Amino acid sequence: VNVYVKAFTNSPVLVCVDLARSQEEVIDPKYLWIGPDGKKLKGQTYRNPTETGKLKVKRFKESMSGAYTCTRSYKSTDPTTQEEREVFEAYRFRVYAYGEADRAYQIFVRFTTKECELAAHDRFFEELKKIVNNFISDLMCHITESSYRCLSVQTPTQRLQPRLFVTFQVNPFAPGWEEVCHQVPYTCEDATNTRVEEARNRIEEFFSEQTYALKHEFQTVPTTHYVDDSFSALQIESCRPGFGKNNVTHQSCAGCCVVCEPGTYSPNNDVTCQIRSRPRVRTYRARSC
């Protein structure tokens, strides 16, 4: 059975019996839990099974991922011969640490302009980036991968209208983000995603206000101005190094960033664990080949 535990939280209770067997009475049951390192778990601080074979792993870390095996033994008597024998049953759990995917947003907006060859477009674009960055700097977010291009759009009135197509990414890892994360190290992804979501909302509100200002505050419409309702945002997800997504292997945790299994690695913020060409060290959460 595959079990997924969010990093630094407690695992669900693992029970050393299947559903059918749990309804039966057993005589003198004994339980032996073995961890991923091949050692007995009884007496360990974070992984101490109960006398009835239940196991909860506390403050689960990536290094705790792996196979957890429980062997249950009990006495059984043959109803015909009354001969007593010992029965052994093994249950195996593959437990994985996972984290939430880090989110960023690719923003798309358009601006009407007079013509595509205006030299002022570069200056306008730089000023726009500064304004947006100022709006979100307190959230430790910033603008990356920004660009624009000018294209002619044919309107319903059959006129050709020059438009600036602007795109940029709202990234939650501006300088200083790590210090913020140190304040909430066990829920860093949650805090990061909350910040970038707030940044995205602020930016959308900023462009919505441009529409209002054009209609109510400007007597003369600027040469380059925002196109009403042209704002759109595409969510982009990434995983931390040592984690990746695999919706085939981990169907029960689709969308999760699951710790890379032995024989695979992830050196960056990609969303997949790569297969090692020559796997030597068989560890979880490998960040290099």
Protein backbone atom coordinates (compact mmCIF):
# COMPACT_ATOMS: atom_id res chain seq x y z
CA VAL A 1 0.00 0.00 0.00
CA ASN A 2 1.33 3.45 -0.90
CA VAL A 3 0.97 6.07 1.83
CA TYR A 4 1.70 9.80 1.37
CA VAL A 5 2.67 12.06 4.26
CA LYS A 6 3.16 15.79 4.00
CA ALA A 7 6.67 16.64 5.16
CA PHE A 8 6.96 17.55 8.87
CA THR A 9 3.44 16.32 9.69
CA ASN A 10 2.39 13.07 11.38
CA SER A 11 1.61 10.07 9.22
CA PRO A 12 -1.79 8.40 9.29
CA VAL A 13 -2.03 5.36 11.55
CA LEU A 14 -0.66 2.27 9.81
CA VAL A 15 -2.44 -0.87 11.00
CA CYS A 16 -0.78 -4.29 10.86
CA VAL A 17 -3.85 -6.16 9.62
CA ASP A 18 -6.19 -6.12 6.64
CA LEU A 19 -9.89 -5.32 6.90
CA ALA A 20 -11.08 -8.93 6.78
CA ARG A 21 -8.63 -10.14 9.43
CA SER A 22 -9.43 -7.23 11.72
CA GLN A 23 -12.86 -8.76 12.41
CA GLU A 24 -11.36 -12.01 13.69
CA GLU A 25 -10.19 -12.93 17.18
CA VAL A 26 -6.55 -13.98 17.44
CA ILE A 27 -4.62 -15.60 20.24
CA ASP A 28 -1.41 -14.13 21.61
CA PRO A 29 -0.70 -11.74 18.72
CA LYS A 30 2.76 -10.25 18.34
CA TYR A 31 3.88 -7.49 15.98
CA LEU A 32 7.26 -6.71 14.50
CA TRP A 33 7.73 -3.45 12.58
CA ILE A 34 10.82 -2.96 10.40
CA GLY A 35 11.71 0.47 9.01
CA PRO A 36 13.30 1.48 5.68
CA ASP A 37 16.77 1.08 7.19
CA GLY A 38 16.06 -2.56 8.06
CA LYS A 39 15.97 -1.88 11.82
CA LYS A 40 13.23 -2.60 14.34
CA LEU A 41 11.05 0.41 15.11
CA LYS A 42 10.07 -0.50 18.67
CA GLY A 43 11.43 2.03 21.14
CA GLN A 44 12.34 4.70 18.58
CA THR A 45 11.28 8.22 19.50
CA TYR A 46 9.44 9.16 16.32
CA ARG A 47 8.40 5.67 15.27
CA ASN A 48 7.21 3.62 18.22
CA PRO A 49 4.46 1.07 17.35
CA THR A 50 1.76 0.16 19.86
CA GLU A 51 1.19 -3.27 21.39
CA THR A 52 -1.76 -3.77 19.01
CA GLY A 53 0.40 -3.25 15.92
CA LYS A 54 -0.46 0.34 15.10
CA LEU A 55 2.22 2.74 13.89
CA LYS A 56 2.21 6.51 13.52
CA VAL A 57 5.37 8.24 12.34
CA LYS A 58 5.68 11.68 13.95
CA ARG A 59 7.09 14.77 12.19
CA PHE A 60 7.72 12.80 9.01
CA LYS A 61 10.87 13.83 7.15
CA GLU A 62 11.99 13.03 3.60
CA SER A 63 14.68 10.69 4.96
CA MET A 64 11.97 8.60 6.63
CA SER A 65 10.49 7.62 3.25
CA GLY A 66 10.66 4.00 2.21
CA ALA A 67 9.27 0.53 2.94
CA TYR A 68 7.70 -0.13 6.34
CA THR A 69 6.99 -3.82 6.93
CA CYS A 70 4.99 -5.35 9.76
CA THR A 71 4.91 -9.05 10.54
CA ARG A 72 2.01 -10.24 12.68
CA SER A 73 2.25 -13.64 14.36
CA TYR A 74 -0.41 -15.41 16.41
CA LYS A 75 -1.41 -18.88 17.57
CA SER A 76 -4.02 -20.88 15.71
CA THR A 77 -5.59 -24.22 16.70
CA ASP A 78 -6.79 -26.76 14.15
CA PRO A 79 -10.45 -27.48 15.03
CA THR A 80 -10.11 -31.15 14.04
CA THR A 81 -6.78 -32.19 15.55
CA GLN A 82 -6.54 -29.41 18.14
CA GLU A 83 -2.96 -29.02 17.01
CA GLU A 84 -1.55 -25.60 17.76
CA ARG A 85 0.57 -23.78 15.23
CA GLU A 86 1.95 -20.27 14.79
CA VAL A 87 0.72 -18.17 11.87
CA PHE A 88 2.73 -15.36 10.29
CA GLU A 89 1.30 -12.54 8.13
CA ALA A 90 3.29 -9.70 6.54
CA TYR A 91 2.00 -6.26 5.58
CA ARG A 92 4.06 -3.83 3.57
CA PHE A 93 3.62 -0.06 3.28
CA ARG A 94 5.57 2.20 0.94
CA VAL A 95 5.54 5.60 2.66
CA TYR A 96 6.48 8.75 0.74
CA ALA A 97 7.05 12.31 1.91
CA TYR A 98 5.47 14.94 -0.29
CA GLY A 99 5.17 18.71 -0.46
CA GLU A 100 2.86 21.18 -2.13
CA ALA A 101 3.95 22.41 -5.55
CA ASP A 102 5.39 25.93 -5.65
CA ARG A 103 3.21 28.21 -7.74
CA ALA A 104 4.03 31.13 -9.99
CA TYR A 105 1.83 33.00 -12.45
CA GLN A 106 2.41 33.97 -16.06
CA ILE A 107 0.52 37.22 -16.66
CA PHE A 108 -0.76 38.38 -20.04
CA VAL A 109 -2.07 41.91 -20.73
CA ARG A 110 -2.57 44.06 -23.82
CA PHE A 111 -2.21 47.76 -24.52
CA THR A 112 -3.53 49.86 -27.36
CA THR A 113 -0.87 52.03 -28.97
CA LYS A 114 -0.56 54.47 -31.86
CA GLU A 115 1.92 52.51 -33.93
CA CYS A 116 4.35 49.62 -33.50
CA GLU A 117 7.49 51.59 -34.31
CA LEU A 118 7.29 53.99 -31.35
CA ALA A 119 10.64 54.36 -29.58
CA ALA A 120 8.78 55.04 -26.34
CA HIS A 121 7.62 51.43 -26.04
CA ASP A 122 10.81 50.27 -24.34
CA ARG A 123 10.59 53.04 -21.75
CA PHE A 124 6.88 52.36 -21.20
CA PHE A 125 7.59 48.66 -20.65
CA GLU A 126 10.38 49.34 -18.14
CA GLU A 127 8.18 51.75 -16.18
CA LEU A 128 5.33 49.23 -16.15
CA LYS A 129 7.62 46.58 -14.64
CA LYS A 130 8.82 49.00 -11.95
CA ILE A 131 5.25 49.88 -10.98
CA VAL A 132 4.16 46.24 -10.75
CA ASN A 133 7.27 45.27 -8.81
CA ASN A 134 6.59 48.04 -6.29
CA PHE A 135 3.07 46.70 -5.82
CA ILE A 136 4.28 43.26 -4.76
CA SER A 137 7.74 43.83 -3.27
CA ASP A 138 6.49 43.59 0.34
CA LEU A 139 5.28 40.06 -0.48
CA MET A 140 8.82 38.98 -1.46
CA CYS A 141 7.55 38.47 -5.00
CA HIS A 142 8.99 39.96 -8.16
CA ILE A 143 8.64 40.07 -11.94
CA THR A 144 10.73 37.71 -14.08
CA GLU A 145 10.78 36.51 -17.69
CA SER A 146 9.14 39.67 -18.96
CA SER A 147 8.73 40.59 -22.61
CA TYR A 148 6.50 42.44 -25.04
CA ARG A 149 5.86 42.61 -28.73
CA CYS A 150 3.74 44.83 -30.94
CA LEU A 151 1.30 43.21 -33.38
CA SER A 152 -1.55 44.47 -35.53
CA VAL A 153 -5.00 43.26 -34.52
CA GLN A 154 -7.98 43.41 -36.84
CA THR A 155 -10.97 44.70 -34.85
CA PRO A 156 -14.66 43.86 -35.52
CA THR A 157 -14.89 47.18 -37.39
CA GLN A 158 -12.27 45.81 -39.82
CA ARG A 159 -9.66 48.31 -38.70
CA LEU A 160 -6.07 47.28 -38.00
CA GLN A 161 -5.14 48.35 -34.47
CA PRO A 162 -1.53 48.16 -33.16
CA ARG A 163 -1.43 46.38 -29.80
CA LEU A 164 1.31 45.71 -27.29
CA PHE A 165 1.20 42.12 -26.05
CA VAL A 166 2.90 42.13 -22.62
CA THR A 167 3.77 39.04 -20.60
CA PHE A 168 5.69 38.51 -17.38
CA GLN A 169 5.95 35.95 -14.61
CA VAL A 170 5.11 36.67 -10.99
CA ASN A 171 7.69 34.74 -9.01
CA PRO A 172 7.56 34.26 -5.18
CA PHE A 173 11.34 33.98 -4.76
CA ALA A 174 12.50 37.59 -4.69
CA PRO A 175 15.69 38.29 -2.67
CA GLY A 176 14.89 37.79 1.00
CA TRP A 177 12.24 35.09 0.57
CA GLU A 178 14.36 32.50 2.42
CA GLU A 179 14.39 34.60 5.59
CA VAL A 180 10.60 34.71 5.50
CA CYS A 181 10.51 30.94 5.02
CA HIS A 182 12.75 30.38 8.05
CA GLN A 183 9.95 31.80 10.20
CA VAL A 184 7.63 29.00 9.03
CA PRO A 185 10.04 26.26 7.85
CA TYR A 186 7.54 23.39 8.04
CA THR A 187 4.89 25.10 5.91
CA CYS A 188 7.17 27.07 3.61
CA GLU A 189 5.39 26.01 0.41
CA ASP A 190 2.02 27.03 1.86
CA ALA A 191 3.35 30.44 2.89
CA THR A 192 5.06 30.96 -0.47
CA ASN A 193 1.92 30.04 -2.39
CA THR A 194 -0.18 32.36 -0.25
CA ARG A 195 2.16 35.25 -1.02
CA VAL A 196 2.22 34.70 -4.77
CA GLU A 197 -1.58 34.34 -4.84
CA GLU A 198 -1.89 37.70 -3.10
CA ALA A 199 0.58 39.21 -5.60
CA ARG A 200 -1.45 37.91 -8.52
CA ASN A 201 -4.65 39.39 -7.05
CA ARG A 202 -3.00 42.76 -6.51
CA ILE A 203 -1.79 42.88 -10.10
CA GLU A 204 -5.24 42.01 -11.44
CA GLU A 205 -6.75 44.74 -9.29
CA PHE A 206 -4.14 47.21 -10.56
CA PHE A 207 -5.11 46.61 -14.19
CA SER A 208 -8.81 46.74 -13.34
CA GLU A 209 -8.21 50.19 -11.88
CA GLN A 210 -6.67 51.27 -15.19
CA THR A 211 -10.00 50.65 -16.89
CA TYR A 212 -11.81 52.80 -14.32
CA ALA A 213 -9.22 55.58 -14.56
CA LEU A 214 -9.45 55.71 -18.37
CA LYS A 215 -13.22 56.10 -18.19
CA HIS A 216 -13.50 58.54 -15.28
CA GLU A 217 -10.21 60.34 -14.59
CA PHE A 218 -8.50 61.04 -17.94
CA GLN A 219 -9.73 63.89 -20.09
CA THR A 220 -7.28 62.85 -22.83
CA VAL A 221 -6.68 59.15 -23.33
CA PRO A 222 -2.92 58.30 -23.28
CA THR A 223 -1.35 57.09 -26.53
CA THR A 224 -0.57 53.74 -24.93
CA HIS A 225 -3.25 52.45 -22.59
CA TYR A 226 -4.56 49.20 -21.14
CA VAL A 227 -7.11 47.18 -23.13
CA ASP A 228 -10.17 46.51 -20.98
CA ASP A 229 -10.51 42.86 -19.77
CA SER A 230 -7.27 41.76 -21.45
CA PHE A 231 -5.77 40.52 -18.16
CA SER A 232 -5.26 36.75 -17.89
CA ALA A 233 -3.09 34.58 -15.65
CA LEU A 234 -1.71 31.09 -16.15
CA GLN A 235 -0.69 29.13 -13.05
CA ILE A 236 2.73 27.46 -13.29
CA GLU A 237 3.81 24.79 -10.81
CA SER A 238 7.25 23.54 -9.84
CA CYS A 239 8.73 21.19 -7.24
CA ARG A 240 11.63 21.74 -4.87
CA PRO A 241 14.92 19.92 -5.67
CA GLY A 242 14.62 16.25 -4.71
CA PHE A 243 10.87 16.14 -5.42
CA GLY A 244 8.80 15.56 -8.54
CA LYS A 245 5.39 14.67 -9.90
CA ASN A 246 4.36 11.35 -11.39
CA ASN A 247 0.62 10.93 -11.82
CA VAL A 248 1.09 7.34 -13.03
CA THR A 249 3.22 6.02 -10.17
CA HIS A 250 1.53 8.19 -7.56
CA GLN A 251 -2.09 8.19 -8.68
CA SER A 252 -3.30 8.54 -5.10
CA CYS A 253 -1.35 11.78 -4.76
CA ALA A 254 -1.78 13.23 -8.26
CA GLY A 255 -0.49 16.79 -8.35
CA CYS A 256 1.75 16.28 -5.30
CA CYS A 257 5.48 16.88 -5.35
CA VAL A 258 6.57 13.46 -4.08
CA VAL A 259 10.09 12.71 -2.87
CA CYS A 260 12.25 11.21 -5.64
CA GLU A 261 12.65 7.46 -5.24
CA PRO A 262 16.00 5.66 -5.19
CA GLY A 263 17.45 5.57 -8.68
CA THR A 264 15.97 8.96 -9.59
CA TYR A 265 16.91 12.56 -8.83
CA SER A 266 15.81 16.17 -9.38
CA PRO A 267 18.54 18.84 -9.28
CA ASN A 268 16.33 21.89 -9.82
CA ASN A 269 12.75 23.16 -9.67
CA ASP A 270 11.50 20.94 -12.47
CA VAL A 271 8.35 18.88 -11.93
CA THR A 272 9.79 15.44 -12.69
CA CYS A 273 12.39 13.14 -11.14
CA GLN A 274 14.97 12.05 -13.70
CA ILE A 275 16.30 8.48 -13.93
CA ARG A 276 19.96 8.07 -12.98
CA SER A 277 22.15 6.57 -15.68
CA ARG A 278 24.25 4.71 -13.11
CA PRO A 279 22.44 4.60 -9.78
CA ARG A 280 24.99 4.02 -7.05
CA VAL A 281 23.57 5.56 -3.90
CA ARG A 282 20.01 4.39 -3.39
CA THR A 283 18.53 7.19 -1.34
CA TYR A 284 15.33 9.20 -1.36
CA ARG A 285 15.30 12.88 -2.36
CA ALA A 286 18.50 12.74 -4.41
CA ARG A 287 19.39 16.12 -5.95
CA SER A 288 22.25 15.01 -8.15
CA CYS A 289 23.04 12.07 -10.42
